[in-house]
C-alpha atoms as a PDB file:
ATOM      1  CA  MET A   1      13.645  30.816 -43.911  1.00  0.00           C
ATOM      2  CA  SER A   2      11.682  27.697 -44.881  1.00  0.00           C
ATOM      3  CA  VAL A   3       9.071  26.228 -42.490  1.00  0.00           C
ATOM      4  CA  LEU A   4       7.367  22.872 -43.003  1.00  0.00           C
ATOM      5  CA  LEU A   5       3.964  22.943 -41.598  1.00  0.00           C
ATOM      6  CA  ILE A   6       2.413  19.603 -40.624  1.00  0.00           C
ATOM      7  CA  CYS A   7      -1.332  19.548 -40.096  1.00  0.00           C
ATOM      8  CA  SER A   8      -4.208  17.128 -40.403  1.00  0.00           C
ATOM      9  CA  LEU A   9      -7.931  17.846 -41.015  1.00  0.00           C
ATOM     10  CA  SER A  10     -10.512  15.425 -40.413  1.00  0.00           C
ATOM     11  CA  LEU A  11     -13.391  15.543 -42.822  1.00  0.00           C
ATOM     12  CA  ALA A  12     -16.890  14.273 -42.107  1.00  0.00           C
ATOM     13  CA  VAL A  13     -19.603  14.188 -44.711  1.00  0.00           C
ATOM     14  CA  GLY A  14     -23.214  14.643 -43.387  1.00  0.00           C
ATOM     15  CA  GLY A  15     -26.166  15.357 -45.465  1.00  0.00           C
ATOM     16  CA  GLY A  16     -24.141  16.152 -48.583  1.00  0.00           C
ATOM     17  CA  THR A  17     -22.170  18.897 -47.017  1.00  0.00           C
ATOM     18  CA  VAL A  18     -18.485  18.724 -46.311  1.00  0.00           C
ATOM     19  CA  PHE A  19     -17.316  19.989 -42.887  1.00  0.00           C
ATOM     20  CA  ALA A  20     -13.682  20.407 -41.857  1.00  0.00           C
ATOM     21  CA  GLN A  21     -12.612  20.126 -38.246  1.00  0.00           C
ATOM     22  CA  ALA A  22      -9.370  21.569 -36.955  1.00  0.00           C
ATOM     23  CA  PRO A  23      -7.005  19.071 -35.472  1.00  0.00           C
ATOM     24  CA  SER A  24      -6.857  18.890 -31.600  1.00  0.00           C
ATOM     25  CA  THR A  25      -3.224  18.841 -31.544  1.00  0.00           C
ATOM     26  CA  PRO A  26      -1.154  22.053 -32.223  1.00  0.00           C
ATOM     27  CA  ILE A  27       0.373  22.615 -35.699  1.00  0.00           C
ATOM     28  CA  ALA A  28       4.010  21.642 -35.579  1.00  0.00           C
ATOM     29  CA  ALA A  29       6.640  23.825 -37.190  1.00  0.00           C
ATOM     30  CA  THR A  30       9.958  22.449 -38.211  1.00  0.00           C
ATOM     31  CA  GLN A  31      12.939  23.978 -39.889  1.00  0.00           C
ATOM     32  CA  PRO A  32      15.122  21.649 -42.162  1.00  0.00           C
ATOM     33  CA  ALA A  33      18.684  21.319 -40.807  1.00  0.00           C
ATOM     34  CA  SER A  34      20.159  21.614 -44.043  1.00  0.00           C
ATOM     35  CA  GLN A  35      19.030  25.353 -44.527  1.00  0.00           C
ATOM     36  CA  PRO A  36      20.076  27.522 -41.636  1.00  0.00           C
ATOM     37  CA  ASP A  37      18.231  30.842 -41.116  1.00  0.00           C
ATOM     38  CA  ALA A  38      20.629  33.215 -43.071  1.00  0.00           C
ATOM     39  CA  GLY A  39      18.330  36.195 -42.775  1.00  0.00           C
ATOM     40  CA  PRO A  40      18.073  38.737 -45.591  1.00  0.00           C
ATOM     41  CA  PRO A  41      20.877  38.534 -48.264  1.00  0.00           C
ATOM     42  CA  VAL A  42      23.890  40.744 -47.714  1.00  0.00           C
ATOM     43  CA  PRO A  43      25.511  42.365 -50.735  1.00  0.00           C
ATOM     44  CA  ASP A  44      29.104  41.192 -51.371  1.00  0.00           C
ATOM     45  CA  PRO A  45      31.360  44.111 -50.352  1.00  0.00           C
ATOM     46  CA  ALA A  46      33.937  43.065 -53.020  1.00  0.00           C
ATOM     47  CA  VAL A  47      31.402  43.680 -55.880  1.00  0.00           C
ATOM     48  CA  PRO A  48      30.686  47.443 -56.209  1.00  0.00           C
ATOM     49  CA  PRO A  49      27.117  48.569 -56.868  1.00  0.00           C
ATOM     50  CA  PRO A  50      26.387  49.465 -60.543  1.00  0.00           C
ATOM     51  CA  ALA A  51      27.392  53.121 -61.300  1.00  0.00           C
ATOM     52  CA  LYS A  52      24.717  55.550 -62.232  1.00  0.00           C
ATOM     53  CA  PRO A  53      25.214  56.995 -65.762  1.00  0.00           C
ATOM     54  CA  LYS A  54      26.710  60.398 -65.802  1.00  0.00           C
ATOM     55  CA  PRO A  55      24.399  63.154 -66.933  1.00  0.00           C
ATOM     56  CA  ASP A  56      25.179  64.608 -70.216  1.00  0.00           C
ATOM     57  CA  VAL A  57      26.541  68.124 -70.312  1.00  0.00           C
ATOM     58  CA  LEU A  58      25.741  70.984 -72.508  1.00  0.00           C
ATOM     59  CA  VAL A  59      27.837  74.217 -72.449  1.00  0.00           C
ATOM     60  CA  PHE A  60      26.494  77.229 -74.122  1.00  0.00           C
ATOM     61  CA  MET A  61      28.716  79.902 -75.823  1.00  0.00           C
ATOM     62  CA  ASN A  62      28.445  82.126 -72.842  1.00  0.00           C
ATOM     63  CA  GLY A  63      29.661  79.477 -70.713  1.00  0.00           C
ATOM     64  CA  ASP A  64      26.559  78.539 -68.946  1.00  0.00           C
ATOM     65  CA  ARG A  65      26.258  74.724 -68.298  1.00  0.00           C
ATOM     66  CA  LEU A  66      23.112  72.611 -68.448  1.00  0.00           C
ATOM     67  CA  THR A  67      23.058  68.879 -67.239  1.00  0.00           C
ATOM     68  CA  GLY A  68      20.435  66.471 -68.305  1.00  0.00           C
ATOM     69  CA  LYS A  69      20.081  63.943 -71.267  1.00  0.00           C
ATOM     70  CA  LEU A  70      20.893  64.440 -74.977  1.00  0.00           C
ATOM     71  CA  GLU A  71      17.588  63.306 -76.708  1.00  0.00           C
ATOM     72  CA  ARG A  72      18.519  63.835 -80.419  1.00  0.00           C
ATOM     73  CA  ALA A  73      19.760  66.296 -83.035  1.00  0.00           C
ATOM     74  CA  VAL A  74      17.858  67.182 -86.095  1.00  0.00           C
ATOM     75  CA  GLY A  75      19.624  69.343 -88.741  1.00  0.00           C
ATOM     76  CA  ALA A  76      21.122  72.348 -86.991  1.00  0.00           C
ATOM     77  CA  ASN A  77      19.301  71.884 -83.633  1.00  0.00           C
ATOM     78  CA  VAL A  78      19.940  69.616 -80.660  1.00  0.00           C
ATOM     79  CA  VAL A  79      17.190  68.442 -78.393  1.00  0.00           C
ATOM     80  CA  PHE A  80      18.301  68.377 -74.777  1.00  0.00           C
ATOM     81  CA  ASN A  81      16.095  67.248 -71.702  1.00  0.00           C
ATOM     82  CA  SER A  82      16.980  68.833 -68.404  1.00  0.00           C
ATOM     83  CA  ASP A  83      15.286  68.200 -65.127  1.00  0.00           C
ATOM     84  CA  MET A  84      15.409  71.877 -64.349  1.00  0.00           C
ATOM     85  CA  ALA A  85      14.375  73.181 -67.610  1.00  0.00           C
ATOM     86  CA  GLY A  86      12.462  70.427 -69.340  1.00  0.00           C
ATOM     87  CA  GLU A  87      13.026  69.561 -73.086  1.00  0.00           C
ATOM     88  CA  LEU A  88      14.832  72.293 -75.050  1.00  0.00           C
ATOM     89  CA  THR A  89      15.565  72.649 -78.679  1.00  0.00           C
ATOM     90  CA  ILE A  90      18.925  74.672 -79.004  1.00  0.00           C
ATOM     91  CA  PRO A  91      20.569  75.632 -82.367  1.00  0.00           C
ATOM     92  CA  PHE A  92      24.156  74.234 -82.640  1.00  0.00           C
ATOM     93  CA  SER A  93      25.341  77.775 -83.224  1.00  0.00           C
ATOM     94  CA  LYS A  94      24.586  78.553 -79.527  1.00  0.00           C
ATOM     95  CA  VAL A  95      26.304  75.427 -78.268  1.00  0.00           C
ATOM     96  CA  ARG A  96      30.048  75.618 -77.392  1.00  0.00           C
ATOM     97  CA  GLU A  97      30.523  71.955 -76.188  1.00  0.00           C
ATOM     98  CA  LEU A  98      28.371  68.939 -75.628  1.00  0.00           C
ATOM     99  CA  GLN A  99      29.399  65.510 -73.892  1.00  0.00           C
ATOM    100  CA  SER A 100      27.121  62.423 -73.819  1.00  0.00           C
ATOM    101  CA  GLY A 101      28.031  59.071 -72.379  1.00  0.00           C
ATOM    102  CA  SER A 102      25.065  57.425 -74.189  1.00  0.00           C
ATOM    103  CA  GLU A 103      25.582  55.708 -77.792  1.00  0.00           C
ATOM    104  CA  PHE A 104      24.086  57.454 -80.754  1.00  0.00           C
ATOM    105  CA  VAL A 105      23.949  56.944 -84.585  1.00  0.00           C
ATOM    106  CA  ALA A 106      24.787  59.874 -86.672  1.00  0.00           C
ATOM    107  CA  LEU A 107      23.078  60.211 -90.027  1.00  0.00           C
ATOM    108  CA  ARG A 108      24.491  62.439 -92.778  1.00  0.00           C
ATOM    109  CA  LYS A 109      22.132  64.913 -94.683  1.00  0.00           C
ATOM    110  CA  GLY A 110      20.863  63.537 -97.957  1.00  0.00           C
ATOM    111  CA  LYS A 111      17.813  62.935-100.083  1.00  0.00           C
ATOM    112  CA  ALA A 112      14.502  61.851 -98.468  1.00  0.00           C
ATOM    113  CA  GLY A 113      14.648  58.040 -97.828  1.00  0.00           C
ATOM    114  CA  GLU A 114      18.410  57.684 -97.937  1.00  0.00           C
ATOM    115  CA  THR A 115      20.093  56.586 -94.742  1.00  0.00           C
ATOM    116  CA  LYS A 116      23.840  57.361 -94.627  1.00  0.00           C
ATOM    117  CA  VAL A 117      25.148  56.439 -91.286  1.00  0.00           C
ATOM    118  CA  ALA A 118      28.193  58.541 -90.468  1.00  0.00           C
ATOM    119  CA  GLY A 119      29.214  56.773 -87.198  1.00  0.00           C
ATOM    120  CA  THR A 120      28.050  55.201 -83.957  1.00  0.00           C
ATOM    121  CA  GLY A 121      29.147  55.928 -80.412  1.00  0.00           C
ATOM    122  CA  ASP A 122      29.469  58.247 -77.468  1.00  0.00           C
ATOM    123  CA  VAL A 123      28.683  61.705 -78.687  1.00  0.00           C
ATOM    124  CA  SER A 124      30.790  64.958 -78.220  1.00  0.00           C
ATOM    125  CA  PHE A 125      30.527  68.175 -79.778  1.00  0.00           C
ATOM    126  CA  ALA A 126      33.030  71.071 -79.911  1.00  0.00           C
ATOM    127  CA  GLU A 127      34.143  73.690 -82.501  1.00  0.00           C
ATOM    128  CA  GLY A 128      31.452  72.745 -84.968  1.00  0.00           C
ATOM    129  CA  THR A 129      32.256  69.024 -85.239  1.00  0.00           C
ATOM    130  CA  VAL A 130      30.448  66.091 -83.985  1.00  0.00           C
ATOM    131  CA  THR A 131      32.563  63.275 -82.772  1.00  0.00           C
ATOM    132  CA  LEU A 132      31.610  59.708 -82.164  1.00  0.00           C
ATOM    133  CA  LYS A 133      33.799  57.356 -80.216  1.00  0.00           C
ATOM    134  CA  LYS A 134      32.999  53.680 -79.637  1.00  0.00           C
ATOM    135  CA  GLY A 135      35.332  51.714 -77.314  1.00  0.00           C
ATOM    136  CA  THR A 136      38.863  51.603 -78.651  1.00  0.00           C
ATOM    137  CA  ALA A 137      38.005  52.225 -82.339  1.00  0.00           C
ATOM    138  CA  PRO A 138      39.148  55.507 -83.794  1.00  0.00           C
ATOM    139  CA  ALA A 139      36.830  58.295 -83.368  1.00  0.00           C
ATOM    140  CA  GLN A 140      34.513  59.328 -86.271  1.00  0.00           C
ATOM    141  CA  THR A 141      34.094  63.118 -86.893  1.00  0.00           C
ATOM    142  CA  LEU A 142      31.424  64.886 -88.793  1.00  0.00           C
ATOM    143  CA  PRO A 143      30.997  68.619 -89.389  1.00  0.00           C
ATOM    144  CA  GLU A 144      27.910  69.966 -87.937  1.00  0.00           C
ATOM    145  CA  SER A 145      26.842  71.231 -91.255  1.00  0.00           C
ATOM    146  CA  GLU A 146      26.662  67.639 -92.624  1.00  0.00           C
ATOM    147  CA  LEU A 147      24.811  66.214 -89.757  1.00  0.00           C
ATOM    148  CA  GLY A 148      21.201  65.292 -90.639  1.00  0.00           C
ATOM    149  CA  PHE A 149      20.139  63.335 -87.612  1.00  0.00           C
ATOM    150  CA  LEU A 150      21.559  62.194 -84.297  1.00  0.00           C
ATOM    151  CA  ILE A 151      19.429  59.344 -82.836  1.00  0.00           C
ATOM    152  CA  ASP A 152      20.044  57.069 -79.849  1.00  0.00           C
ATOM    153  CA  VAL A 153      20.921  53.477 -80.675  1.00  0.00           C
ATOM    154  CA  PRO A 154      17.595  51.822 -79.300  1.00  0.00           C
ATOM    155  CA  SER A 155      15.425  54.234 -81.256  1.00  0.00           C
ATOM    156  CA  TYR A 156      17.462  53.685 -84.456  1.00  0.00           C
ATOM    157  CA  SER A 157      17.218  49.909 -84.093  1.00  0.00           C
ATOM    158  CA  ARG A 158      13.495  50.091 -83.461  1.00  0.00           C
ATOM    159  CA  GLU A 159      12.553  52.715 -86.067  1.00  0.00           C
ATOM    160  CA  VAL A 160      15.102  52.639 -88.899  1.00  0.00           C
ATOM    161  CA  ASP A 161      17.073  49.475 -89.024  1.00  0.00           C
ATOM    162  CA  HIS A 162      14.319  47.097 -87.979  1.00  0.00           C
ATOM    163  CA  ARG A 163      12.550  44.688 -90.194  1.00  0.00           C
ATOM    164  CA  ALA A 164       8.805  44.873 -89.571  1.00  0.00           C
ATOM    165  CA  SER A 165       6.516  42.109 -89.374  1.00  0.00           C
ATOM    166  CA  LEU A 166       3.159  42.028 -91.083  1.00  0.00           C
ATOM    167  CA  ARG A 167       1.205  42.712 -87.820  1.00  0.00           C
ATOM    168  CA  GLN A 168       3.777  44.844 -85.894  1.00  0.00           C
ATOM    169  CA  GLY A 169       2.216  47.662 -84.148  1.00  0.00           C
ATOM    170  CA  TRP A 170      -1.276  46.147 -84.740  1.00  0.00           C
ATOM    171  CA  THR A 171      -3.470  47.424 -81.831  1.00  0.00           C
ATOM    172  CA  GLY A 172      -6.892  46.049 -83.219  1.00  0.00           C
ATOM    173  CA  PHE A 173      -8.457  42.758 -82.147  1.00  0.00           C
ATOM    174  CA  ARG A 174      -9.597  39.566 -83.882  1.00  0.00           C
ATOM    175  CA  ASP A 175     -13.401  38.987 -84.012  1.00  0.00           C
ATOM    176  CA  ARG A 176     -15.109  35.860 -85.556  1.00  0.00           C
ATOM    177  CA  GLY A 177     -12.135  35.473 -88.047  1.00  0.00           C
ATOM    178  CA  THR A 178     -12.260  39.141 -89.246  1.00  0.00           C
ATOM    179  CA  TYR A 179      -9.892  41.761 -88.360  1.00  0.00           C
ATOM    180  CA  SER A 180     -11.350  45.055 -86.964  1.00  0.00           C
ATOM    181  CA  ARG A 181      -9.720  48.505 -86.166  1.00  0.00           C
ATOM    182  CA  PRO A 182      -9.392  49.585 -82.592  1.00  0.00           C
ATOM    183  CA  ARG A 183     -12.313  51.070 -81.036  1.00  0.00           C
ATOM    184  CA  ASP A 184     -12.220  54.115 -78.666  1.00  0.00           C
ATOM    185  CA  ARG A 185     -12.001  53.004 -75.065  1.00  0.00           C
ATOM    186  CA  GLU A 186     -13.417  56.150 -73.491  1.00  0.00           C
END
């Protein structure tokens, strides 16, 4: 609702000081005819609300299930974050099945400094094989023994595939034309 307020102030200058006097007539409020009061916006019933992402599911060899979020995998271990149990590092040998709806990048084991991307997509793990499926493309599989890292796509883009600028990550400040290192703020 938009309201147009009309008011006037009469100013008088006396001895170098400015005084404001309220008008003797009441303030008039009008609403333009072109914008009727519609109230709060009503969601369109034809458009469904955005769906919450499904939690990732990890099934242990004994059949126990754990829901939460797959964080990453490093070598023979998977890091899984659950609301109930917190962050857990679990060996792949104790995992029967893993399903994640988030996109990850799988990197093969190799020499230090080498990046060998094995695939990108939604992750599933069963019977010792990591499977990555992206859209309608064919699924990419990788034996668990060849998996070096499993990293979520935003982290991979930021940490591995990103071209750093000269001052990226700089937390210092500029002082009189010279750069200084950050000071403790405690």
